[in-house]
Structure formats: C-alpha cells, structure tokens
C-alpha atoms as a PDB file:
ATOM      1  CA  MET A   1      57.169 -43.165 -46.371  1.00  0.00           C
ATOM      2  CA  ILE A   2      57.905 -43.240 -50.445  1.00  0.00           C
ATOM      3  CA  SER A   3      56.147 -44.815 -53.348  1.00  0.00           C
ATOM      4  CA  GLU A   4      57.341 -48.090 -55.117  1.00  0.00           C
ATOM      5  CA  ASN A   5      58.881 -45.729 -57.248  1.00  0.00           C
ATOM      6  CA  PHE A   6      62.486 -45.983 -56.431  1.00  0.00           C
ATOM      7  CA  GLU A   7      65.247 -44.931 -57.610  1.00  0.00           C
ATOM      8  CA  PRO A   8      67.483 -48.461 -58.812  1.00  0.00           C
ATOM      9  CA  GLY A   9      70.030 -48.898 -55.749  1.00  0.00           C
ATOM     10  CA  TYR A  10      67.754 -47.811 -53.326  1.00  0.00           C
ATOM     11  CA  SER A  11      67.080 -49.340 -49.928  1.00  0.00           C
ATOM     12  CA  GLY A  12      64.247 -49.255 -47.533  1.00  0.00           C
ATOM     13  CA  TYR A  13      61.497 -51.418 -45.730  1.00  0.00           C
ATOM     14  CA  LYS A  14      58.849 -53.332 -46.396  1.00  0.00           C
ATOM     15  CA  ILE A  15      56.136 -55.001 -43.582  1.00  0.00           C
ATOM     16  CA  LYS A  16      54.959 -58.224 -43.776  1.00  0.00           C
ATOM     17  CA  MET A  17      51.999 -59.882 -41.563  1.00  0.00           C
ATOM     18  CA  ILE A  18      51.153 -63.313 -41.310  1.00  0.00           C
ATOM     19  CA  ILE A  19      47.711 -65.171 -40.634  1.00  0.00           C
ATOM     20  CA  ALA A  20      47.607 -68.080 -39.199  1.00  0.00           C
ATOM     21  CA  ILE A  21      44.410 -70.079 -38.297  1.00  0.00           C
ATOM     22  CA  GLU A  22      45.302 -73.043 -35.835  1.00  0.00           C
ATOM     23  CA  LYS A  23      41.985 -74.959 -34.828  1.00  0.00           C
ATOM     24  CA  ASP A  24      43.001 -77.742 -32.447  1.00  0.00           C
ATOM     25  CA  ASN A  25      46.066 -76.540 -31.165  1.00  0.00           C
ATOM     26  CA  ILE A  26      46.831 -77.556 -35.333  1.00  0.00           C
ATOM     27  CA  PHE A  27      48.749 -74.419 -37.880  1.00  0.00           C
ATOM     28  CA  ALA A  28      45.336 -75.565 -40.418  1.00  0.00           C
ATOM     29  CA  TYR A  29      45.921 -72.506 -42.657  1.00  0.00           C
ATOM     30  CA  ARG A  30      48.603 -70.214 -42.853  1.00  0.00           C
ATOM     31  CA  ASN A  31      49.452 -66.262 -44.959  1.00  0.00           C
ATOM     32  CA  GLU A  32      52.572 -63.805 -45.957  1.00  0.00           C
ATOM     33  CA  LEU A  33      51.124 -60.801 -46.706  1.00  0.00           C
ATOM     34  CA  ILE A  34      53.175 -58.188 -47.703  1.00  0.00           C
ATOM     35  CA  VAL A  35      52.096 -54.648 -46.311  1.00  0.00           C
ATOM     36  CA  PRO A  36      52.744 -51.842 -49.594  1.00  0.00           C
ATOM     37  CA  VAL A  37      54.480 -49.223 -48.427  1.00  0.00           C
ATOM     38  CA  MET A  38      57.479 -48.122 -48.349  1.00  0.00           C
ATOM     39  CA  TYR A  39      58.705 -46.560 -45.300  1.00  0.00           C
ATOM     40  CA  ASN A  40      62.393 -44.892 -45.156  1.00  0.00           C
ATOM     41  CA  ASP A  41      64.147 -46.304 -42.081  1.00  0.00           C
ATOM     42  CA  ILE A  42      63.562 -48.752 -40.455  1.00  0.00           C
ATOM     43  CA  SER A  43      61.578 -46.942 -36.955  1.00  0.00           C
ATOM     44  CA  GLU A  44      58.960 -45.700 -39.808  1.00  0.00           C
ATOM     45  CA  ALA A  45      57.732 -49.141 -40.570  1.00  0.00           C
ATOM     46  CA  GLN A  46      57.856 -50.235 -36.340  1.00  0.00           C
ATOM     47  CA  ILE A  47      55.612 -47.124 -35.956  1.00  0.00           C
ATOM     48  CA  HIS A  48      53.186 -48.657 -38.056  1.00  0.00           C
ATOM     49  CA  VAL A  49      53.564 -51.970 -36.380  1.00  0.00           C
ATOM     50  CA  THR A  50      52.612 -50.017 -33.167  1.00  0.00           C
ATOM     51  CA  LYS A  51      49.573 -48.271 -34.860  1.00  0.00           C
ATOM     52  CA  ASP A  52      48.677 -51.785 -36.261  1.00  0.00           C
ATOM     53  CA  ILE A  53      48.845 -53.645 -32.799  1.00  0.00           C
ATOM     54  CA  HIS A  54      47.298 -50.720 -30.594  1.00  0.00           C
ATOM     55  CA  ARG A  55      44.608 -50.476 -33.145  1.00  0.00           C
ATOM     56  CA  ARG A  56      43.232 -54.042 -33.201  1.00  0.00           C
ATOM     57  CA  LEU A  57      44.459 -54.433 -29.482  1.00  0.00           C
ATOM     58  CA  LYS A  58      41.265 -51.512 -29.190  1.00  0.00           C
ATOM     59  CA  ASP A  59      38.827 -51.967 -32.172  1.00  0.00           C
ATOM     60  CA  SER A  60      39.399 -55.833 -32.118  1.00  0.00           C
ATOM     61  CA  MET A  61      39.210 -58.831 -30.403  1.00  0.00           C
ATOM     62  CA  TYR A  62      42.673 -60.275 -30.715  1.00  0.00           C
ATOM     63  CA  PHE A  63      44.896 -59.696 -27.312  1.00  0.00           C
ATOM     64  CA  ARG A  64      48.573 -60.499 -26.893  1.00  0.00           C
ATOM     65  CA  SER A  65      49.702 -63.585 -28.262  1.00  0.00           C
ATOM     66  CA  GLN A  66      51.502 -65.986 -25.468  1.00  0.00           C
ATOM     67  CA  LYS A  67      52.845 -68.533 -28.876  1.00  0.00           C
ATOM     68  CA  ILE A  68      56.303 -67.528 -29.737  1.00  0.00           C
ATOM     69  CA  GLY A  69      56.428 -65.809 -33.126  1.00  0.00           C
ATOM     70  CA  PHE A  70      52.739 -64.618 -33.101  1.00  0.00           C
ATOM     71  CA  ASP A  71      52.154 -61.024 -31.604  1.00  0.00           C
ATOM     72  CA  LEU A  72      48.842 -61.208 -31.826  1.00  0.00           C
ATOM     73  CA  VAL A  73      45.832 -63.626 -30.612  1.00  0.00           C
ATOM     74  CA  ARG A  74      41.435 -63.263 -31.367  1.00  0.00           C
ATOM     75  CA  TYR A  75      40.049 -67.173 -30.093  1.00  0.00           C
ATOM     76  CA  GLY A  76      37.496 -68.204 -31.479  1.00  0.00           C
ATOM     77  CA  ASN A  77      34.674 -70.858 -31.247  1.00  0.00           C
ATOM     78  CA  THR A  78      35.343 -71.645 -27.301  1.00  0.00           C
ATOM     79  CA  ALA A  79      39.233 -71.288 -28.415  1.00  0.00           C
ATOM     80  CA  THR A  80      39.353 -74.080 -30.112  1.00  0.00           C
ATOM     81  CA  SER A  81      39.707 -71.753 -33.670  1.00  0.00           C
ATOM     82  CA  ASN A  82      42.204 -69.092 -33.188  1.00  0.00           C
ATOM     83  CA  THR A  83      43.263 -66.321 -35.362  1.00  0.00           C
ATOM     84  CA  TYR A  84      47.386 -65.252 -35.498  1.00  0.00           C
ATOM     85  CA  ILE A  85      48.536 -62.609 -37.764  1.00  0.00           C
ATOM     86  CA  ALA A  86      52.953 -61.633 -36.765  1.00  0.00           C
ATOM     87  CA  TYR A  87      54.508 -58.356 -38.523  1.00  0.00           C
ATOM     88  CA  ARG A  88      58.049 -59.198 -39.973  1.00  0.00           C
ATOM     89  CA  ILE A  89      60.124 -55.532 -41.310  1.00  0.00           C
ATOM     90  CA  LEU A  90      61.967 -56.837 -43.955  1.00  0.00           C
ATOM     91  CA  PRO A  91      65.007 -54.757 -45.375  1.00  0.00           C
ATOM     92  CA  ILE A  92      64.537 -54.244 -49.628  1.00  0.00           C
ATOM     93  CA  SER A  93      66.737 -53.893 -51.669  1.00  0.00           C
ATOM     94  CA  SER A  94      66.485 -52.806 -55.273  1.00  0.00           C
ATOM     95  CA  HIS A  95      70.487 -53.269 -57.064  1.00  0.00           C
ATOM     96  CA  ILE A  96      70.533 -54.708 -59.565  1.00  0.00           C
ATOM     97  CA  THR A  97      73.674 -56.394 -60.382  1.00  0.00           C
ATOM     98  CA  ALA A  98      75.373 -57.894 -63.593  1.00  0.00           C
ATOM     99  CA  GLU A  99      75.022 -61.071 -62.904  1.00  0.00           C
ATOM    100  CA  ASN A 100      71.078 -59.930 -63.752  1.00  0.00           C
ATOM    101  CA  LYS A 101      70.478 -57.784 -66.581  1.00  0.00           C
END
C-alpha cells in the first residue's frame, strides 16, 4: 500500500464497494464507496477484498450472493429487505495532460 501523495504519472488501484438495499424484490437504495487506500498492484487489492469478504462471512450475517453482480447478501425481515455488497477494483492513474492544465 502507498499513501494518497503519489507522484504525478503514478498508476495504482483502489477498491469501490457498492451497497444496495432490496425491498420486496426492488432495489430501493444504492450507494458507492471508495476505500481510501491506494494499492501498488492489483493482487494487493484482491487480497484486501478477499479478507473483507471472509471477515463478513465469518463475523456477520452475510452469505454469498446468488444475484449476478453482487458478492455478498444479508437477509432481513424474512428476506423482504436484503443488503447486497459488491466489490470492484478500479485502476487509478494521475497522469496530467497538457489539456487538463
């Protein structure tokens, strides 16, 4: 991992978490969060995602999701209000072009 203060032209990876609430089979709410850590390479980001998934499976009431595009689900109110989580690894580049100056 490296800090937010990287050199111009540096490329790395960040993790985006997508959290969606499904009520009565309709997605009523969706929010996207960026994990505030920059990773040197994609394998570091994948390790972070894997650890977070395993922690949630072990320590909370999340299960593997059967819905395409989501990794985890937590059922609530007799499965009428469910929370879904998806993880995405995003390439980040700080290239500054002459057009953007």
